[in-house]
Amino acid sequence: MTTPTTGSTGTSFWKILAIVIGVLIVVSIGWSLVKAVAWIVVVGLVIVGAFTVFKALTKS
């Protein structure tokens, strides 16, 4: 009786495929979070800048 050689190869293929898909999902979610945080920082800087200009103009 011989053992089939396709079983271990097939299992390895599916494990590698699952890892690749998992990495792609994590990267896509991470990239979306980075973009969202970047926009929050930009909006925050605009608000702080506007507040600073407003304070400078009302002081004089």
Protein backbone atom coordinates (compact mmCIF):
# COMPACT_ATOMS: atom_id res chain seq x y z
CA MET A 1 0.00 0.00 0.00
CA THR A 2 1.40 3.39 -0.97
CA THR A 3 0.50 6.77 0.44
CA PRO A 4 -0.71 9.41 -1.97
CA THR A 5 1.78 12.21 -2.52
CA THR A 6 -0.87 14.79 -3.42
CA GLY A 7 -2.26 14.98 0.12
CA SER A 8 0.68 16.78 1.71
CA THR A 9 1.25 19.00 -1.32
CA GLY A 10 -2.41 19.98 -1.47
CA THR A 11 -2.49 20.76 2.24
CA SER A 12 0.63 22.90 1.97
CA PHE A 13 -0.86 24.78 -0.97
CA TRP A 14 -4.03 25.60 0.97
CA LYS A 15 -2.04 26.68 4.03
CA ILE A 16 0.12 28.98 1.91
CA LEU A 17 -2.96 30.34 0.14
CA ALA A 18 -4.69 31.01 3.47
CA ILE A 19 -1.60 32.82 4.79
CA VAL A 20 -1.35 34.96 1.65
CA ILE A 21 -5.05 35.87 1.81
CA GLY A 22 -4.75 36.65 5.52
CA VAL A 23 -1.76 38.91 4.94
CA LEU A 24 -3.57 40.74 2.13
CA ILE A 25 -6.61 41.31 4.34
CA VAL A 26 -4.48 42.62 7.20
CA VAL A 27 -2.55 44.92 4.86
CA SER A 28 -5.72 46.30 3.29
CA ILE A 29 -7.32 46.98 6.68
CA GLY A 30 -4.09 48.48 7.98
CA TRP A 31 -3.73 50.75 4.95
CA SER A 32 -7.32 51.96 5.39
CA LEU A 33 -6.62 52.77 9.03
CA VAL A 34 -3.45 54.66 8.11
CA LYS A 35 -5.36 56.74 5.56
CA ALA A 36 -8.13 57.47 8.07
CA VAL A 37 -5.65 58.56 10.75
CA ALA A 38 -3.85 60.75 8.21
CA TRP A 39 -7.10 62.56 7.38
CA ILE A 40 -7.87 63.03 11.08
CA VAL A 41 -4.41 64.56 11.58
CA VAL A 42 -4.90 66.89 8.59
CA VAL A 43 -8.29 68.06 9.87
CA GLY A 44 -6.83 68.55 13.35
CA LEU A 45 -3.97 70.65 11.98
CA VAL A 46 -6.40 72.80 9.99
CA ILE A 47 -8.51 73.39 13.11
CA VAL A 48 -5.47 74.27 15.24
CA GLY A 49 -4.14 76.57 12.52
CA ALA A 50 -7.47 78.35 12.13
CA PHE A 51 -7.75 78.77 15.90
CA THR A 52 -4.21 80.18 16.09
CA VAL A 53 -4.89 82.67 13.29
CA PHE A 54 -8.18 83.70 14.91
CA LYS A 55 -6.48 84.28 18.28
CA ALA A 56 -3.68 86.27 16.63
CA LEU A 57 -6.15 88.51 14.81
CA THR A 58 -8.39 89.15 17.82
CA LYS A 59 -5.44 90.03 20.11
CA SER A 60 -4.35 93.01 18.00
